[in-house]
Amino acid sequence: MEQLIATPILGRELVLGKLLPYFVLGMLDVFLAVGMGEFLFQVPLRGSVALLFGMAAIFLAGALSMGMVISIVAKSQLLASQLAMVLTFLPSFLLSGFLYPIRNMPKAIQGITHAIPTRYFVSLLKGIYLKGAGLSILAAEAALLTAFSITMVLLATRKFKKKLM
């Protein structure tokens, strides 16, 4: 990291360089998941492929930037991995509507799910993939997911400082 800090690039360029390979891998994973769903499990994609990949790209940019923010704020790698697990993975897995329907959760928990960005991504995926819904129907979820991603990207670039601690 010290060698990267010594380079003449800007902080935001360094953040972009750190996130870009993971973004490409994430989009490849989306491509593989859609391909397996379509050809291996015979689940037809009813909606727009471009919209599905666009929403996946927006979610991925936000999630990766959130991971970058966590790693910038955390003092050690162990703390960063523990924070990431508690702040992102568990809430996303349990409260997104992927594992359990949100309408079956207690009202207090349903309110908390509105703060989980994965909730909106799962809703978008279900709408696009299974129902063939377009952006006009899914505009609210898309707007909230986009707002989350923009916030996380800006926060990651703002928090990152090119100096040794």
Protein backbone atom coordinates (compact mmCIF):
# COMPACT_ATOMS: atom_id res chain seq x y z
CA MET A 1 0.00 0.00 0.00
CA GLU A 2 2.89 2.35 0.71
CA GLN A 3 4.02 2.08 -2.92
CA LEU A 4 0.52 2.95 -4.12
CA ILE A 5 0.38 5.97 -1.83
CA ALA A 6 3.70 7.22 -3.23
CA THR A 7 2.38 7.24 -6.81
CA PRO A 8 1.23 10.54 -8.37
CA ILE A 9 -2.38 9.38 -8.85
CA LEU A 10 -5.31 10.96 -7.03
CA GLY A 11 -7.08 9.26 -4.15
CA ARG A 12 -10.26 8.71 -6.15
CA GLU A 13 -8.22 7.07 -8.92
CA LEU A 14 -6.66 4.73 -6.38
CA VAL A 15 -10.09 3.84 -4.98
CA LEU A 16 -11.37 3.19 -8.50
CA GLY A 17 -8.35 1.02 -9.23
CA LYS A 18 -8.95 -1.02 -6.08
CA LEU A 19 -12.66 -1.49 -6.84
CA LEU A 20 -12.58 -2.11 -10.60
CA PRO A 21 -11.23 -5.70 -10.58
CA TYR A 22 -13.82 -6.76 -8.01
CA PHE A 23 -16.53 -5.01 -10.01
CA VAL A 24 -15.55 -6.94 -13.15
CA LEU A 25 -15.53 -10.22 -11.20
CA GLY A 26 -18.92 -9.39 -9.69
CA MET A 27 -20.42 -8.68 -13.11
CA LEU A 28 -18.96 -11.95 -14.37
CA ASP A 29 -20.67 -13.68 -11.45
CA VAL A 30 -23.97 -12.05 -12.41
CA PHE A 31 -23.49 -13.26 -15.98
CA LEU A 32 -22.77 -16.81 -14.76
CA ALA A 33 -25.76 -16.79 -12.39
CA VAL A 34 -28.12 -15.60 -15.13
CA GLY A 35 -26.69 -18.16 -17.55
CA MET A 36 -27.04 -20.99 -15.04
CA GLY A 37 -30.56 -19.91 -14.14
CA GLU A 38 -31.54 -19.80 -17.79
CA PHE A 39 -29.83 -22.91 -19.15
CA LEU A 40 -29.17 -25.20 -16.18
CA PHE A 41 -32.32 -24.58 -14.11
CA GLN A 42 -34.61 -23.57 -17.01
CA VAL A 43 -35.80 -20.36 -15.29
CA PRO A 44 -36.63 -17.94 -18.09
CA LEU A 45 -35.51 -14.33 -17.83
CA ARG A 46 -38.77 -12.49 -18.52
CA GLY A 47 -37.50 -8.92 -18.31
CA SER A 48 -34.81 -6.78 -19.85
CA VAL A 49 -31.28 -8.19 -19.76
CA ALA A 50 -29.85 -4.66 -19.94
CA LEU A 51 -31.97 -3.50 -16.99
CA LEU A 52 -30.97 -6.55 -14.95
CA PHE A 53 -27.27 -5.99 -15.57
CA GLY A 54 -27.62 -2.23 -15.05
CA MET A 55 -29.24 -2.69 -11.65
CA ALA A 56 -26.65 -5.33 -10.75
CA ALA A 57 -23.88 -2.89 -11.68
CA ILE A 58 -25.40 -0.15 -9.52
CA PHE A 59 -25.79 -2.51 -6.55
CA LEU A 60 -22.30 -3.89 -6.99
CA ALA A 61 -20.74 -0.42 -7.11
CA GLY A 62 -22.50 0.51 -3.86
CA ALA A 63 -21.69 -2.74 -2.08
CA LEU A 64 -18.03 -2.64 -3.06
CA SER A 65 -17.77 1.01 -2.03
CA MET A 66 -19.37 0.18 1.30
CA GLY A 67 -16.73 -2.51 1.78
CA MET A 68 -14.06 0.08 0.97
CA VAL A 69 -15.54 2.49 3.54
CA ILE A 70 -15.52 -0.27 6.17
CA SER A 71 -11.89 -1.11 5.41
CA ILE A 72 -10.90 2.57 5.54
CA VAL A 73 -12.60 3.15 8.89
CA ALA A 74 -11.49 -0.10 10.55
CA LYS A 75 -8.11 -0.14 12.29
CA SER A 76 -7.26 -3.74 11.41
CA GLN A 77 -8.12 -6.38 8.83
CA LEU A 78 -9.78 -8.56 11.47
CA LEU A 79 -12.03 -5.72 12.60
CA ALA A 80 -12.88 -4.87 8.98
CA SER A 81 -13.91 -8.45 8.21
CA GLN A 82 -15.99 -8.69 11.39
CA LEU A 83 -17.68 -5.34 10.69
CA ALA A 84 -18.40 -6.38 7.13
CA MET A 85 -20.01 -9.59 8.33
CA VAL A 86 -22.17 -7.90 10.96
CA LEU A 87 -23.08 -4.77 8.97
CA THR A 88 -23.59 -6.23 5.51
CA PHE A 89 -23.74 -10.00 5.10
CA LEU A 90 -26.05 -11.01 7.94
CA PRO A 91 -28.60 -8.18 7.55
CA SER A 92 -28.58 -8.62 3.78
CA PHE A 93 -29.08 -12.34 3.99
CA LEU A 94 -31.76 -12.29 6.68
CA LEU A 95 -33.63 -9.02 6.06
CA SER A 96 -33.60 -8.58 2.27
CA GLY A 97 -36.60 -10.73 1.48
CA PHE A 98 -34.37 -13.32 -0.18
CA LEU A 99 -34.60 -15.94 2.55
CA TYR A 100 -37.84 -14.94 4.27
CA PRO A 101 -40.69 -12.83 2.83
CA ILE A 102 -40.63 -9.35 4.36
CA ARG A 103 -44.42 -9.32 4.74
CA ASN A 104 -44.12 -12.31 7.14
CA MET A 105 -41.69 -10.48 9.44
CA PRO A 106 -42.85 -8.55 12.53
CA LYS A 107 -43.75 -4.91 11.81
CA ALA A 108 -40.70 -3.58 13.69
CA ILE A 109 -38.37 -5.76 11.62
CA GLN A 110 -40.20 -4.77 8.43
CA GLY A 111 -39.34 -1.16 9.24
CA ILE A 112 -35.68 -2.03 9.70
CA THR A 113 -35.57 -3.74 6.29
CA HIS A 114 -36.02 -0.35 4.63
CA ALA A 115 -32.44 0.48 5.67
CA ILE A 116 -31.03 -2.63 3.93
CA PRO A 117 -30.02 -1.88 0.31
CA THR A 118 -30.16 -5.57 -0.61
CA ARG A 119 -33.90 -5.44 -0.02
CA TYR A 120 -34.28 -3.19 -3.03
CA PHE A 121 -31.91 -5.25 -5.15
CA VAL A 122 -33.79 -8.49 -4.39
CA SER A 123 -37.06 -6.75 -5.23
CA LEU A 124 -35.57 -5.52 -8.51
CA LEU A 125 -34.26 -8.99 -9.35
CA LYS A 126 -37.62 -10.62 -8.67
CA GLY A 127 -39.44 -7.97 -10.68
CA ILE A 128 -37.11 -8.06 -13.68
CA TYR A 129 -36.24 -11.75 -13.76
CA LEU A 130 -39.49 -13.42 -12.79
CA LYS A 131 -42.21 -10.89 -13.62
CA GLY A 132 -40.71 -9.04 -16.59
CA ALA A 133 -41.36 -5.68 -14.94
CA GLY A 134 -39.76 -2.59 -16.40
CA LEU A 135 -38.15 0.45 -14.89
CA SER A 136 -41.47 2.32 -14.80
CA ILE A 137 -42.80 -0.20 -12.28
CA LEU A 138 -39.55 -0.60 -10.36
CA ALA A 139 -38.56 3.09 -10.32
CA ALA A 140 -38.76 3.52 -6.53
CA GLU A 141 -36.48 0.55 -5.80
CA ALA A 142 -34.08 1.60 -8.55
CA ALA A 143 -33.93 5.17 -7.22
CA LEU A 144 -33.25 4.05 -3.64
CA LEU A 145 -30.58 1.60 -4.78
CA THR A 146 -28.96 4.28 -6.91
CA ALA A 147 -29.01 6.76 -4.01
CA PHE A 148 -27.30 4.16 -1.79
CA SER A 149 -24.63 3.48 -4.40
CA ILE A 150 -23.89 7.13 -5.07
CA THR A 151 -23.66 7.80 -1.34
CA MET A 152 -21.24 4.91 -0.79
CA VAL A 153 -19.03 5.81 -3.77
CA LEU A 154 -18.80 9.44 -2.62
CA LEU A 155 -18.16 8.39 0.97
CA ALA A 156 -15.38 5.98 -0.06
CA THR A 157 -13.61 8.59 -2.20
CA ARG A 158 -14.01 11.24 0.49
CA LYS A 159 -12.84 9.06 3.39
CA PHE A 160 -9.76 7.75 1.60
CA LYS A 161 -6.63 9.76 2.36
CA LYS A 162 -3.35 9.21 0.53
CA LYS A 163 -1.07 9.21 3.55
CA LEU A 164 0.48 6.72 5.93
CA MET A 165 -1.01 6.47 9.39
